[in-house]
Structures are given as structure tokens and as C-alpha cells.
């Protein structure tokens, strides 16, 4: 039913995998060059207490992003189901067996999944900004 998303999904996975490999090797090479250039020149007195690893706190909002994305995708599937049920109830059964009607249902599912998935990511962005403002 959702064959329209298979080809872009496979292409995206392949491209992101190749990009990730190149980025991994490029970052490693850059870091090694920086470490070689710095060598023994780095001293704690140069930093003047501005960079203290003990006091640094790292906040990761990846679980919030993934959670909001999955909730959005779930709502998108639910809305797509409701739209397809409304389309089926408004048509008689003889019209539902044609190619055009199936495409309408696929577009309803795809559009609602993408719309609500994007809304989920926007909601996670707003929550993350509010939490950063409150802390910092």
C-alpha cells in the first residue's frame, strides 16, 4: 500500500550511510591533525578556567526528538486511516477497486504521516528551546 515511500527511503539510507562514513573519516583526520599541531603547547593556564570538563553538563534531547517523532508518526497513521475510512464510506464499492482511488488513499497516508512527523519534530524543538532558556 505504501510502495511510494520505499524508493526514496532506500536512496536516503544509502546516501546517509555513505555520507556518514566520509564524515567519520574526515573528522578523525581533522582531529588527528589538530592534536599533532597542538602537541605539548596546550597548557591549563592558557584556558584561564574557561573550559572546565568537570563543570560541563551535556544535555541530549535525542530521546525527546525520537519520542515526539514517533508520536507524530502514530497520529499521522491514525489520521491517514480516518481519511481513508471517510473516502471508503463516501464511495460505493464498485468505485473503490480502481487505481485512482488506491492512489488517493496512499497519498492520504503519506501526507498525514509526513505532516504529523514534522509537527512532532517542531514540538520537540519548542520544548528543547524552553528547557534551554530555563537553564541558561
Foldseek 3Di string as FASTA:
>chain_A
DQPVVVVVVVVVVVVVVVVVVVVVVVVVVVVVVVCVVCPVVDDPVVCVPPDDPVPDDDDDCVVQLVVLLVVLLVVLQVQLVVVLVVVPVVDDPVVCPDPVNVVVSNCSSVVSNVVSSVVSNVVSVVVVVVVVVVVD
